[in-house]
Amino acid sequence: MALRGAELKAGGHVVETLYIGGGTPTVLEEAQLEYLLLACRRHLPLNDAEWTVEANPGTITAQKAKLLASYGVNRISLGIQDINDCRLALLGRTHTAAQARQAFFLCREHFPTVSVDIMTGLPKQSAEDVEEAVSEVCRWQPDHISLYGLKVEEGTELASLVEKGKVELPAEEDVLSMMLAGKDRLLSHGYEHYEIANFARPGKVCRHNLTYWQNRPYLGLGLGAHSFWQDKRFHNTVHWQGYRQGLEQNSLPLQEETFVTRRQMMEDTMMLGLRLMQGVYFAEFQARFACDLRQVFAKEIALLKKQGLIVCDAERIYLSSSGYPLANIVFAQFLTV
């Protein structure tokens, strides 16, 4: 953090957004958490940054919430996942639905923006279950809701149960029904669907995630963290010993670094930008790359339009209602093999 912070300050850069998580920072003891927060304040040019911390309902406490807020954290992302205790237990979550609700209102007392996660595609889950979860969470009035499908990670207890046939995952078409049911329910509660898996109240879109979807530069700090900076994509080593040795030698512990060509950057801009419901604006693409995306990707656009998966109007290109559930097919068209 000190090395990257010095680099940012020397270049006159300001951190617009800071996101702490993947992993759960609130699992740290208060003293450890304060050490991390103090380091962020000391080394990073934060100014008026959107500062998000991920939290688990089972590990956020009133003391930790006060501590986070006192250092300037202004956005909490709360991993609720579901409101059914049996399914939460299957996921290996340590909290109950009641604790999730309690944690939400605790966060509401301390932070101006509270986001929650809801998962679909869970074992023994139906579209009606998703609608029920969304309706319940909407009654709490969070500012932002992420609705995304379960990804079974290797090495987890759930993965083992699925492999042994003891737990059955929903069929793909049922997962799609869950996503569509959840989306419709969120829209009915006044949330804006601004990205494939994300919904927000007016003015509450996640600025940090927009950085990724608009293919803008970002820096990742920590073991295995990925970055896109100065036309390069790179990531830190995933091995703790090498990571620590690099820092002790006052050098960045990079494992792999790849230069991003202009063509690759254009492709990435299309794939990531089409995740946004607004899509990609022709004028913005032209300003960035000095070319018309309709000419650069004429073949891909013609095919996707014929399939009814995208819409092109006078200003932009975006997913059609038919393209939304088949987004990965759309993205693949802009990927050079």
C-alpha atoms as a PDB file:
ATOM      1  CA  MET A   1       0.000   0.000   0.000  1.00  0.00           C
ATOM      2  CA  ALA A   2       2.823   2.389   0.858  1.00  0.00           C
ATOM      3  CA  LEU A   3       4.573   1.672  -2.463  1.00  0.00           C
ATOM      4  CA  ARG A   4       1.446   2.137  -4.564  1.00  0.00           C
ATOM      5  CA  GLY A   5       0.352   5.155  -2.543  1.00  0.00           C
ATOM      6  CA  ALA A   6       3.692   6.867  -3.137  1.00  0.00           C
ATOM      7  CA  GLU A   7       3.397   6.116  -6.856  1.00  0.00           C
ATOM      8  CA  LEU A   8      -0.095   7.625  -6.987  1.00  0.00           C
ATOM      9  CA  LYS A   9       0.900  10.758  -5.117  1.00  0.00           C
ATOM     10  CA  ALA A  10       4.022  11.251  -7.251  1.00  0.00           C
ATOM     11  CA  GLY A  11       1.858  11.068 -10.380  1.00  0.00           C
ATOM     12  CA  GLY A  12      -0.689  13.532  -9.015  1.00  0.00           C
ATOM     13  CA  HIS A  13      -3.426  10.901  -8.949  1.00  0.00           C
ATOM     14  CA  VAL A  14      -6.423  10.909  -6.612  1.00  0.00           C
ATOM     15  CA  VAL A  15      -8.211   7.740  -5.493  1.00  0.00           C
ATOM     16  CA  GLU A  16     -11.834   8.130  -6.568  1.00  0.00           C
ATOM     17  CA  THR A  17     -13.057   4.824  -5.136  1.00  0.00           C
ATOM     18  CA  LEU A  18     -11.648   2.335  -2.644  1.00  0.00           C
ATOM     19  CA  TYR A  19     -13.115  -1.138  -2.189  1.00  0.00           C
ATOM     20  CA  ILE A  20     -11.935  -3.450   0.590  1.00  0.00           C
ATOM     21  CA  GLY A  21     -13.124  -6.997   0.088  1.00  0.00           C
ATOM     22  CA  GLY A  22     -13.395 -10.105  -1.534  1.00  0.00           C
ATOM     23  CA  GLY A  23     -12.653 -11.831   1.632  1.00  0.00           C
ATOM     24  CA  THR A  24     -14.447 -10.312   4.590  1.00  0.00           C
ATOM     25  CA  PRO A  25     -12.568  -7.458   6.293  1.00  0.00           C
ATOM     26  CA  THR A  26     -15.000  -7.439   9.219  1.00  0.00           C
ATOM     27  CA  VAL A  27     -13.673 -10.836  10.323  1.00  0.00           C
ATOM     28  CA  LEU A  28     -10.638  -8.920  11.622  1.00  0.00           C
ATOM     29  CA  GLU A  29     -10.376  -7.928  15.266  1.00  0.00           C
ATOM     30  CA  GLU A  30     -11.005  -4.236  15.928  1.00  0.00           C
ATOM     31  CA  ALA A  31      -7.298  -3.473  16.419  1.00  0.00           C
ATOM     32  CA  GLN A  32      -6.414  -5.210  13.140  1.00  0.00           C
ATOM     33  CA  LEU A  33      -9.200  -3.432  11.318  1.00  0.00           C
ATOM     34  CA  GLU A  34      -8.074  -0.060  12.634  1.00  0.00           C
ATOM     35  CA  TYR A  35      -4.496  -0.796  11.521  1.00  0.00           C
ATOM     36  CA  LEU A  36      -5.805  -1.397   7.986  1.00  0.00           C
ATOM     37  CA  LEU A  37      -7.985   1.717   7.974  1.00  0.00           C
ATOM     38  CA  LEU A  38      -5.165   3.874   9.312  1.00  0.00           C
ATOM     39  CA  ALA A  39      -2.848   2.584   6.580  1.00  0.00           C
ATOM     40  CA  CYS A  40      -5.410   3.531   3.931  1.00  0.00           C
ATOM     41  CA  ARG A  41      -5.704   7.040   5.338  1.00  0.00           C
ATOM     42  CA  ARG A  42      -1.949   7.430   5.719  1.00  0.00           C
ATOM     43  CA  HIS A  43      -0.804   6.141   2.333  1.00  0.00           C
ATOM     44  CA  LEU A  44      -3.606   6.717  -0.179  1.00  0.00           C
ATOM     45  CA  PRO A  45      -4.749  10.091  -1.620  1.00  0.00           C
ATOM     46  CA  LEU A  46      -8.410   9.439  -0.840  1.00  0.00           C
ATOM     47  CA  ASN A  47      -9.970  12.897  -0.651  1.00  0.00           C
ATOM     48  CA  ASP A  48     -13.709  12.501  -1.411  1.00  0.00           C
ATOM     49  CA  ALA A  49     -13.575   8.827  -2.383  1.00  0.00           C
ATOM     50  CA  GLU A  50     -16.426   6.350  -2.403  1.00  0.00           C
ATOM     51  CA  TRP A  51     -15.069   3.942   0.218  1.00  0.00           C
ATOM     52  CA  THR A  52     -16.724   0.521   0.393  1.00  0.00           C
ATOM     53  CA  VAL A  53     -16.045  -2.286   2.851  1.00  0.00           C
ATOM     54  CA  GLU A  54     -17.544  -5.750   2.501  1.00  0.00           C
ATOM     55  CA  ALA A  55     -19.163  -7.125   5.647  1.00  0.00           C
ATOM     56  CA  ASN A  56     -20.701 -10.375   6.759  1.00  0.00           C
ATOM     57  CA  PRO A  57     -23.849 -10.199   8.924  1.00  0.00           C
ATOM     58  CA  GLY A  58     -22.145 -12.544  11.371  1.00  0.00           C
ATOM     59  CA  THR A  59     -18.988 -10.448  11.801  1.00  0.00           C
ATOM     60  CA  ILE A  60     -20.139  -6.813  11.735  1.00  0.00           C
ATOM     61  CA  THR A  61     -20.631  -5.341  15.219  1.00  0.00           C
ATOM     62  CA  ALA A  62     -21.652  -1.920  16.484  1.00  0.00           C
ATOM     63  CA  GLN A  63     -18.046  -1.239  17.523  1.00  0.00           C
ATOM     64  CA  LYS A  64     -16.664  -2.201  14.114  1.00  0.00           C
ATOM     65  CA  ALA A  65     -19.323  -0.156  12.322  1.00  0.00           C
ATOM     66  CA  LYS A  66     -18.444   2.921  14.392  1.00  0.00           C
ATOM     67  CA  LEU A  67     -14.753   2.355  13.705  1.00  0.00           C
ATOM     68  CA  LEU A  68     -15.263   2.052   9.952  1.00  0.00           C
ATOM     69  CA  ALA A  69     -17.411   5.168   9.825  1.00  0.00           C
ATOM     70  CA  SER A  70     -14.921   7.163  11.909  1.00  0.00           C
ATOM     71  CA  TYR A  71     -12.216   6.605   9.273  1.00  0.00           C
ATOM     72  CA  GLY A  72     -14.466   7.699   6.432  1.00  0.00           C
ATOM     73  CA  VAL A  73     -15.953   4.458   5.118  1.00  0.00           C
ATOM     74  CA  ASN A  74     -19.198   5.611   3.509  1.00  0.00           C
ATOM     75  CA  ARG A  75     -20.513   2.459   1.864  1.00  0.00           C
ATOM     76  CA  ILE A  76     -21.069  -1.057   3.224  1.00  0.00           C
ATOM     77  CA  SER A  77     -21.680  -4.120   1.076  1.00  0.00           C
ATOM     78  CA  LEU A  78     -23.488  -6.686   3.214  1.00  0.00           C
ATOM     79  CA  GLY A  79     -23.394 -10.334   2.124  1.00  0.00           C
ATOM     80  CA  ILE A  80     -26.906 -11.424   3.067  1.00  0.00           C
ATOM     81  CA  GLN A  81     -27.253 -13.993   0.217  1.00  0.00           C
ATOM     82  CA  ASP A  82     -30.689 -15.322   1.265  1.00  0.00           C
ATOM     83  CA  ILE A  83     -33.355 -15.076   3.949  1.00  0.00           C
ATOM     84  CA  ASN A  84     -33.846 -18.826   4.368  1.00  0.00           C
ATOM     85  CA  ASP A  85     -31.874 -20.349   7.242  1.00  0.00           C
ATOM     86  CA  CYS A  86     -31.681 -23.836   5.704  1.00  0.00           C
ATOM     87  CA  ARG A  87     -30.216 -22.567   2.444  1.00  0.00           C
ATOM     88  CA  LEU A  88     -27.831 -20.274   4.309  1.00  0.00           C
ATOM     89  CA  ALA A  89     -26.554 -23.287   6.245  1.00  0.00           C
ATOM     90  CA  LEU A  90     -26.050 -25.213   2.994  1.00  0.00           C
ATOM     91  CA  LEU A  91     -23.914 -22.323   1.742  1.00  0.00           C
ATOM     92  CA  GLY A  92     -21.811 -22.529   4.878  1.00  0.00           C
ATOM     93  CA  ARG A  93     -22.895 -19.075   6.020  1.00  0.00           C
ATOM     94  CA  THR A  94     -22.515 -18.374   9.720  1.00  0.00           C
ATOM     95  CA  HIS A  95     -25.493 -16.026  10.009  1.00  0.00           C
ATOM     96  CA  THR A  96     -29.251 -16.491  10.096  1.00  0.00           C
ATOM     97  CA  ALA A  97     -31.924 -14.472   8.320  1.00  0.00           C
ATOM     98  CA  ALA A  98     -32.715 -12.682  11.586  1.00  0.00           C
ATOM     99  CA  GLN A  99     -29.056 -11.742  12.037  1.00  0.00           C
ATOM    100  CA  ALA A 100     -28.939 -10.462   8.456  1.00  0.00           C
ATOM    101  CA  ARG A 101     -31.835  -8.110   9.137  1.00  0.00           C
ATOM    102  CA  GLN A 102     -30.273  -6.935  12.398  1.00  0.00           C
ATOM    103  CA  ALA A 103     -26.920  -6.340  10.674  1.00  0.00           C
ATOM    104  CA  PHE A 104     -28.575  -4.328   7.916  1.00  0.00           C
ATOM    105  CA  PHE A 105     -30.233  -1.881  10.297  1.00  0.00           C
ATOM    106  CA  LEU A 106     -27.020  -1.604  12.310  1.00  0.00           C
ATOM    107  CA  CYS A 107     -25.212  -0.573   9.117  1.00  0.00           C
ATOM    108  CA  ARG A 108     -28.019   1.803   8.210  1.00  0.00           C
ATOM    109  CA  GLU A 109     -27.320   3.731  11.421  1.00  0.00           C
ATOM    110  CA  HIS A 110     -23.670   4.331  10.517  1.00  0.00           C
ATOM    111  CA  PHE A 111     -23.299   4.524   6.729  1.00  0.00           C
ATOM    112  CA  PRO A 112     -24.965   6.720   4.090  1.00  0.00           C
ATOM    113  CA  THR A 113     -25.012   3.871   1.565  1.00  0.00           C
ATOM    114  CA  VAL A 114     -25.792   0.221   2.284  1.00  0.00           C
ATOM    115  CA  SER A 115     -25.689  -2.447  -0.415  1.00  0.00           C
ATOM    116  CA  VAL A 116     -26.831  -6.050  -0.036  1.00  0.00           C
ATOM    117  CA  ASP A 117     -26.253  -9.251  -2.025  1.00  0.00           C
ATOM    118  CA  ILE A 118     -28.949 -11.774  -2.914  1.00  0.00           C
ATOM    119  CA  MET A 119     -28.082 -15.078  -4.584  1.00  0.00           C
ATOM    120  CA  THR A 120     -30.013 -17.204  -7.050  1.00  0.00           C
ATOM    121  CA  GLY A 121     -29.451 -20.764  -8.222  1.00  0.00           C
ATOM    122  CA  LEU A 122     -29.226 -22.133  -4.685  1.00  0.00           C
ATOM    123  CA  PRO A 123     -30.140 -25.728  -3.809  1.00  0.00           C
ATOM    124  CA  LYS A 124     -33.846 -26.109  -3.010  1.00  0.00           C
ATOM    125  CA  GLN A 125     -34.553 -22.569  -4.275  1.00  0.00           C
ATOM    126  CA  SER A 126     -37.361 -21.556  -6.642  1.00  0.00           C
ATOM    127  CA  ALA A 127     -38.318 -18.392  -8.498  1.00  0.00           C
ATOM    128  CA  GLU A 128     -40.952 -17.790  -5.825  1.00  0.00           C
ATOM    129  CA  ASP A 129     -38.263 -18.041  -3.135  1.00  0.00           C
ATOM    130  CA  VAL A 130     -36.218 -15.382  -4.935  1.00  0.00           C
ATOM    131  CA  GLU A 131     -39.250 -13.117  -5.199  1.00  0.00           C
ATOM    132  CA  GLU A 132     -39.874 -13.560  -1.478  1.00  0.00           C
ATOM    133  CA  ALA A 133     -36.246 -12.754  -0.610  1.00  0.00           C
ATOM    134  CA  VAL A 134     -36.212  -9.681  -2.842  1.00  0.00           C
ATOM    135  CA  SER A 135     -39.515  -8.415  -1.442  1.00  0.00           C
ATOM    136  CA  GLU A 136     -38.339  -8.843   2.140  1.00  0.00           C
ATOM    137  CA  VAL A 137     -35.018  -7.099   1.525  1.00  0.00           C
ATOM    138  CA  CYS A 138     -36.714  -4.276  -0.400  1.00  0.00           C
ATOM    139  CA  ARG A 139     -38.816  -3.569   2.695  1.00  0.00           C
ATOM    140  CA  TRP A 140     -35.546  -2.680   4.439  1.00  0.00           C
ATOM    141  CA  GLN A 141     -34.906  -0.107   1.684  1.00  0.00           C
ATOM    142  CA  PRO A 142     -31.225  -0.719   0.874  1.00  0.00           C
ATOM    143  CA  ASP A 143     -29.613   1.730  -1.534  1.00  0.00           C
ATOM    144  CA  HIS A 144     -28.142  -0.938  -3.780  1.00  0.00           C
ATOM    145  CA  ILE A 145     -28.837  -4.623  -4.432  1.00  0.00           C
ATOM    146  CA  SER A 146     -26.668  -7.155  -6.254  1.00  0.00           C
ATOM    147  CA  LEU A 147     -28.564 -10.160  -7.619  1.00  0.00           C
ATOM    148  CA  TYR A 148     -26.312 -12.888  -8.944  1.00  0.00           C
ATOM    149  CA  GLY A 149     -26.081 -16.628  -9.417  1.00  0.00           C
ATOM    150  CA  LEU A 150     -24.330 -19.125  -7.182  1.00  0.00           C
ATOM    151  CA  LYS A 151     -20.863 -20.212  -8.246  1.00  0.00           C
ATOM    152  CA  VAL A 152     -19.803 -23.414  -6.509  1.00  0.00           C
ATOM    153  CA  GLU A 153     -16.140 -23.058  -5.559  1.00  0.00           C
ATOM    154  CA  GLU A 154     -13.830 -26.061  -5.610  1.00  0.00           C
ATOM    155  CA  GLY A 155     -12.772 -27.332  -2.220  1.00  0.00           C
ATOM    156  CA  THR A 156     -15.881 -26.116  -0.406  1.00  0.00           C
ATOM    157  CA  GLU A 157     -18.243 -28.367   1.514  1.00  0.00           C
ATOM    158  CA  LEU A 158     -21.035 -27.504  -0.917  1.00  0.00           C
ATOM    159  CA  ALA A 159     -18.875 -28.575  -3.874  1.00  0.00           C
ATOM    160  CA  SER A 160     -18.241 -31.899  -2.151  1.00  0.00           C
ATOM    161  CA  LEU A 161     -21.947 -32.451  -1.485  1.00  0.00           C
ATOM    162  CA  VAL A 162     -22.834 -31.653  -5.101  1.00  0.00           C
ATOM    163  CA  GLU A 163     -20.119 -33.969  -6.412  1.00  0.00           C
ATOM    164  CA  LYS A 164     -21.355 -36.823  -4.214  1.00  0.00           C
ATOM    165  CA  GLY A 165     -24.935 -36.274  -5.373  1.00  0.00           C
ATOM    166  CA  LYS A 166     -26.145 -35.339  -1.898  1.00  0.00           C
ATOM    167  CA  VAL A 167     -27.159 -31.842  -2.995  1.00  0.00           C
ATOM    168  CA  GLU A 168     -28.778 -31.042  -6.328  1.00  0.00           C
ATOM    169  CA  LEU A 169     -28.389 -27.667  -8.013  1.00  0.00           C
ATOM    170  CA  PRO A 170     -31.299 -26.148  -9.982  1.00  0.00           C
ATOM    171  CA  ALA A 171     -31.401 -26.621 -13.754  1.00  0.00           C
ATOM    172  CA  GLU A 172     -30.056 -23.789 -15.902  1.00  0.00           C
ATOM    173  CA  GLU A 173     -33.517 -22.783 -17.126  1.00  0.00           C
ATOM    174  CA  ASP A 174     -34.750 -22.627 -13.522  1.00  0.00           C
ATOM    175  CA  VAL A 175     -31.846 -20.359 -12.557  1.00  0.00           C
ATOM    176  CA  LEU A 176     -32.766 -18.048 -15.441  1.00  0.00           C
ATOM    177  CA  SER A 177     -36.372 -17.968 -14.194  1.00  0.00           C
ATOM    178  CA  MET A 178     -35.079 -16.992 -10.745  1.00  0.00           C
ATOM    179  CA  MET A 179     -32.984 -14.158 -12.176  1.00  0.00           C
ATOM    180  CA  LEU A 180     -35.862 -12.801 -14.240  1.00  0.00           C
ATOM    181  CA  ALA A 181     -38.291 -13.071 -11.321  1.00  0.00           C
ATOM    182  CA  GLY A 182     -35.867 -11.252  -9.043  1.00  0.00           C
ATOM    183  CA  LYS A 183     -35.233  -8.561 -11.641  1.00  0.00           C
ATOM    184  CA  ASP A 184     -38.936  -7.910 -12.183  1.00  0.00           C
ATOM    185  CA  ARG A 185     -39.572  -7.693  -8.455  1.00  0.00           C
ATOM    186  CA  LEU A 186     -36.694  -5.204  -7.995  1.00  0.00           C
ATOM    187  CA  LEU A 187     -37.988  -3.040 -10.833  1.00  0.00           C
ATOM    188  CA  SER A 188     -41.450  -3.057  -9.256  1.00  0.00           C
ATOM    189  CA  HIS A 189     -39.886  -1.672  -6.065  1.00  0.00           C
ATOM    190  CA  GLY A 190     -38.355   1.259  -7.934  1.00  0.00           C
ATOM    191  CA  TYR A 191     -34.771   0.065  -8.344  1.00  0.00           C
ATOM    192  CA  GLU A 192     -32.859   0.982 -11.489  1.00  0.00           C
ATOM    193  CA  HIS A 193     -31.359  -1.997 -13.303  1.00  0.00           C
ATOM    194  CA  TYR A 194     -28.043  -0.438 -14.330  1.00  0.00           C
ATOM    195  CA  GLU A 195     -25.837  -3.522 -14.813  1.00  0.00           C
ATOM    196  CA  ILE A 196     -26.557  -7.185 -15.476  1.00  0.00           C
ATOM    197  CA  ALA A 197     -26.431  -8.161 -11.797  1.00  0.00           C
ATOM    198  CA  ASN A 198     -26.853  -4.782 -10.070  1.00  0.00           C
ATOM    199  CA  PHE A 199     -29.734  -2.518  -9.113  1.00  0.00           C
ATOM    200  CA  ALA A 200     -29.723   0.839  -7.340  1.00  0.00           C
ATOM    201  CA  ARG A 201     -31.803   3.683  -6.021  1.00  0.00           C
ATOM    202  CA  PRO A 202     -31.365   6.933  -8.005  1.00  0.00           C
ATOM    203  CA  GLY A 203     -27.870   8.318  -7.427  1.00  0.00           C
ATOM    204  CA  LYS A 204     -26.658   5.170  -5.649  1.00  0.00           C
ATOM    205  CA  VAL A 205     -24.934   3.188  -8.396  1.00  0.00           C
ATOM    206  CA  CYS A 206     -21.603   1.732  -7.293  1.00  0.00           C
ATOM    207  CA  ARG A 207     -18.932   4.066  -8.654  1.00  0.00           C
ATOM    208  CA  HIS A 208     -16.207   1.523  -7.976  1.00  0.00           C
ATOM    209  CA  ASN A 209     -17.787  -1.183 -10.099  1.00  0.00           C
ATOM    210  CA  LEU A 210     -18.421   1.316 -12.896  1.00  0.00           C
ATOM    211  CA  THR A 211     -14.637   1.653 -13.103  1.00  0.00           C
ATOM    212  CA  TYR A 212     -14.411  -1.995 -14.174  1.00  0.00           C
ATOM    213  CA  TRP A 213     -17.366  -1.929 -16.556  1.00  0.00           C
ATOM    214  CA  GLN A 214     -16.158   1.255 -18.252  1.00  0.00           C
ATOM    215  CA  ASN A 215     -12.716  -0.353 -18.615  1.00  0.00           C
ATOM    216  CA  ARG A 216     -10.943   2.385 -16.708  1.00  0.00           C
ATOM    217  CA  PRO A 217      -7.646   1.982 -14.788  1.00  0.00           C
ATOM    218  CA  TYR A 218      -7.595   0.480 -11.296  1.00  0.00           C
ATOM    219  CA  LEU A 219      -5.001  -0.814  -8.865  1.00  0.00           C
ATOM    220  CA  GLY A 220      -5.332  -3.951  -6.757  1.00  0.00           C
ATOM    221  CA  LEU A 221      -3.505  -4.207  -3.439  1.00  0.00           C
ATOM    222  CA  GLY A 222      -2.801  -7.453  -1.617  1.00  0.00           C
ATOM    223  CA  LEU A 223      -2.042 -11.098  -2.272  1.00  0.00           C
ATOM    224  CA  GLY A 224      -3.089 -12.105  -5.808  1.00  0.00           C
ATOM    225  CA  ALA A 225      -4.739  -8.732  -6.497  1.00  0.00           C
ATOM    226  CA  HIS A 226      -5.283  -7.788 -10.160  1.00  0.00           C
ATOM    227  CA  SER A 227      -4.713  -4.368 -11.738  1.00  0.00           C
ATOM    228  CA  PHE A 228      -5.218  -2.511 -15.016  1.00  0.00           C
ATOM    229  CA  TRP A 229      -2.826   0.416 -15.059  1.00  0.00           C
ATOM    230  CA  GLN A 230      -0.929   2.357 -17.731  1.00  0.00           C
ATOM    231  CA  ASP A 231      -2.134   0.026 -20.509  1.00  0.00           C
ATOM    232  CA  LYS A 232      -0.997  -3.095 -18.646  1.00  0.00           C
ATOM    233  CA  ARG A 233      -2.858  -5.863 -16.854  1.00  0.00           C
ATOM    234  CA  PHE A 234      -0.943  -7.490 -14.031  1.00  0.00           C
ATOM    235  CA  HIS A 235      -1.445  -9.287 -10.756  1.00  0.00           C
ATOM    236  CA  ASN A 236       0.465  -9.805  -7.553  1.00  0.00           C
ATOM    237  CA  THR A 237       1.852 -13.191  -6.670  1.00  0.00           C
ATOM    238  CA  VAL A 238      -0.560 -15.576  -4.973  1.00  0.00           C
ATOM    239  CA  HIS A 239       2.230 -17.062  -2.836  1.00  0.00           C
ATOM    240  CA  TRP A 240       2.563 -15.503   0.595  1.00  0.00           C
ATOM    241  CA  GLN A 241       6.289 -16.125   0.961  1.00  0.00           C
ATOM    242  CA  GLY A 242       7.114 -14.458  -2.351  1.00  0.00           C
ATOM    243  CA  TYR A 243       4.717 -11.622  -1.636  1.00  0.00           C
ATOM    244  CA  ARG A 244       6.309 -10.913   1.717  1.00  0.00           C
ATOM    245  CA  GLN A 245       9.866 -11.157   0.381  1.00  0.00           C
ATOM    246  CA  GLY A 246       9.074  -8.693  -2.396  1.00  0.00           C
ATOM    247  CA  LEU A 247       7.736  -6.112   0.022  1.00  0.00           C
ATOM    248  CA  GLU A 248      10.678  -6.608   2.397  1.00  0.00           C
ATOM    249  CA  GLN A 249      12.928  -5.720  -0.550  1.00  0.00           C
ATOM    250  CA  ASN A 250      10.806  -2.627  -1.214  1.00  0.00           C
ATOM    251  CA  SER A 251       9.611  -3.942  -4.573  1.00  0.00           C
ATOM    252  CA  LEU A 252       6.145  -4.715  -5.916  1.00  0.00           C
ATOM    253  CA  PRO A 253       5.458  -8.492  -5.754  1.00  0.00           C
ATOM    254  CA  LEU A 254       4.182  -8.891  -9.325  1.00  0.00           C
ATOM    255  CA  GLN A 255       3.704 -12.379 -10.740  1.00  0.00           C
ATOM    256  CA  GLU A 256       2.548 -11.623 -14.267  1.00  0.00           C
ATOM    257  CA  GLU A 257       2.332  -8.494 -16.426  1.00  0.00           C
ATOM    258  CA  THR A 258       0.774  -8.177 -19.883  1.00  0.00           C
ATOM    259  CA  PHE A 259       0.658  -5.167 -22.191  1.00  0.00           C
ATOM    260  CA  VAL A 260      -2.854  -4.512 -23.502  1.00  0.00           C
ATOM    261  CA  THR A 261      -2.912  -3.707 -27.216  1.00  0.00           C
ATOM    262  CA  ARG A 262      -5.219  -1.074 -28.648  1.00  0.00           C
ATOM    263  CA  ARG A 263      -7.358  -3.787 -30.249  1.00  0.00           C
ATOM    264  CA  GLN A 264      -7.628  -5.696 -26.974  1.00  0.00           C
ATOM    265  CA  MET A 265      -8.599  -2.509 -25.183  1.00  0.00           C
ATOM    266  CA  MET A 266     -11.395  -1.887 -27.672  1.00  0.00           C
ATOM    267  CA  GLU A 267     -12.647  -5.459 -27.280  1.00  0.00           C
ATOM    268  CA  ASP A 268     -12.539  -5.200 -23.496  1.00  0.00           C
ATOM    269  CA  THR A 269     -14.429  -1.911 -23.646  1.00  0.00           C
ATOM    270  CA  MET A 270     -17.205  -3.583 -25.625  1.00  0.00           C
ATOM    271  CA  MET A 271     -17.420  -6.741 -23.485  1.00  0.00           C
ATOM    272  CA  LEU A 272     -17.416  -4.841 -20.210  1.00  0.00           C
ATOM    273  CA  GLY A 273     -19.514  -1.912 -21.407  1.00  0.00           C
ATOM    274  CA  LEU A 274     -22.296  -4.164 -22.639  1.00  0.00           C
ATOM    275  CA  ARG A 275     -22.738  -5.390 -19.070  1.00  0.00           C
ATOM    276  CA  LEU A 276     -24.252  -1.970 -18.416  1.00  0.00           C
ATOM    277  CA  MET A 277     -27.888  -1.535 -19.366  1.00  0.00           C
ATOM    278  CA  GLN A 278     -26.992   1.777 -21.028  1.00  0.00           C
ATOM    279  CA  GLY A 279     -24.464  -0.078 -23.158  1.00  0.00           C
ATOM    280  CA  VAL A 280     -21.627   1.645 -24.998  1.00  0.00           C
ATOM    281  CA  TYR A 281     -22.034   5.152 -26.411  1.00  0.00           C
ATOM    282  CA  PHE A 282     -20.603   5.739 -29.866  1.00  0.00           C
ATOM    283  CA  ALA A 283     -19.332   9.219 -28.969  1.00  0.00           C
ATOM    284  CA  GLU A 284     -17.456   7.974 -25.895  1.00  0.00           C
ATOM    285  CA  PHE A 285     -15.829   5.158 -27.863  1.00  0.00           C
ATOM    286  CA  GLN A 286     -14.870   7.630 -30.598  1.00  0.00           C
ATOM    287  CA  ALA A 287     -13.348  10.041 -28.067  1.00  0.00           C
ATOM    288  CA  ARG A 288     -11.304   7.273 -26.485  1.00  0.00           C
ATOM    289  CA  PHE A 289     -10.091   5.365 -29.548  1.00  0.00           C
ATOM    290  CA  ALA A 290     -10.501   7.875 -32.403  1.00  0.00           C
ATOM    291  CA  CYS A 291     -12.613   5.448 -34.428  1.00  0.00           C
ATOM    292  CA  ASP A 292     -16.253   4.410 -34.877  1.00  0.00           C
ATOM    293  CA  LEU A 293     -17.102   1.168 -33.084  1.00  0.00           C
ATOM    294  CA  ARG A 294     -19.764   0.471 -35.732  1.00  0.00           C
ATOM    295  CA  GLN A 295     -16.971   0.175 -38.276  1.00  0.00           C
ATOM    296  CA  VAL A 296     -14.486  -1.627 -36.032  1.00  0.00           C
ATOM    297  CA  PHE A 297     -17.037  -4.289 -35.060  1.00  0.00           C
ATOM    298  CA  ALA A 298     -19.320  -4.154 -38.107  1.00  0.00           C
ATOM    299  CA  LYS A 299     -19.361  -7.940 -38.599  1.00  0.00           C
ATOM    300  CA  GLU A 300     -20.051  -8.725 -34.934  1.00  0.00           C
ATOM    301  CA  ILE A 301     -22.775  -6.098 -34.663  1.00  0.00           C
ATOM    302  CA  ALA A 302     -24.523  -7.293 -37.832  1.00  0.00           C
ATOM    303  CA  LEU A 303     -24.629 -10.881 -36.534  1.00  0.00           C
ATOM    304  CA  LEU A 304     -25.890  -9.925 -33.069  1.00  0.00           C
ATOM    305  CA  LYS A 305     -28.551  -7.612 -34.510  1.00  0.00           C
ATOM    306  CA  LYS A 306     -29.737 -10.405 -36.799  1.00  0.00           C
ATOM    307  CA  GLN A 307     -30.010 -12.691 -33.756  1.00  0.00           C
ATOM    308  CA  GLY A 308     -31.966 -10.003 -31.894  1.00  0.00           C
ATOM    309  CA  LEU A 309     -29.477  -9.878 -29.017  1.00  0.00           C
ATOM    310  CA  ILE A 310     -28.472  -6.207 -29.233  1.00  0.00           C
ATOM    311  CA  VAL A 311     -30.029  -2.872 -30.111  1.00  0.00           C
ATOM    312  CA  CYS A 312     -28.258  -0.056 -31.956  1.00  0.00           C
ATOM    313  CA  ASP A 313     -29.891   3.356 -31.883  1.00  0.00           C
ATOM    314  CA  ALA A 314     -28.510   6.741 -32.920  1.00  0.00           C
ATOM    315  CA  GLU A 315     -26.316   7.057 -29.814  1.00  0.00           C
ATOM    316  CA  ARG A 316     -25.385   3.654 -28.434  1.00  0.00           C
ATOM    317  CA  ILE A 317     -25.328  -0.122 -28.585  1.00  0.00           C
ATOM    318  CA  TYR A 318     -26.859  -2.180 -25.763  1.00  0.00           C
ATOM    319  CA  LEU A 319     -28.306  -5.577 -24.885  1.00  0.00           C
ATOM    320  CA  SER A 320     -31.860  -6.272 -25.991  1.00  0.00           C
ATOM    321  CA  SER A 321     -34.342  -7.900 -23.627  1.00  0.00           C
ATOM    322  CA  SER A 322     -33.557 -11.175 -25.412  1.00  0.00           C
ATOM    323  CA  GLY A 323     -29.826 -10.520 -25.130  1.00  0.00           C
ATOM    324  CA  TYR A 324     -29.875  -9.977 -21.370  1.00  0.00           C
ATOM    325  CA  PRO A 325     -30.161 -13.681 -20.425  1.00  0.00           C
ATOM    326  CA  LEU A 326     -27.717 -14.610 -23.228  1.00  0.00           C
ATOM    327  CA  ALA A 327     -25.162 -11.942 -22.427  1.00  0.00           C
ATOM    328  CA  ASN A 328     -22.187 -14.313 -22.454  1.00  0.00           C
ATOM    329  CA  ILE A 329     -22.917 -15.174 -26.089  1.00  0.00           C
ATOM    330  CA  VAL A 330     -22.877 -11.461 -26.908  1.00  0.00           C
ATOM    331  CA  PHE A 331     -19.620 -10.850 -25.046  1.00  0.00           C
ATOM    332  CA  ALA A 332     -17.910 -13.752 -26.802  1.00  0.00           C
ATOM    333  CA  GLN A 333     -18.421 -12.073 -30.176  1.00  0.00           C
ATOM    334  CA  PHE A 334     -16.038  -9.297 -29.154  1.00  0.00           C
ATOM    335  CA  LEU A 335     -13.287 -11.626 -27.992  1.00  0.00           C
ATOM    336  CA  THR A 336     -10.381 -12.381 -30.316  1.00  0.00           C
ATOM    337  CA  VAL A 337      -9.495 -16.066 -30.069  1.00  0.00           C
END
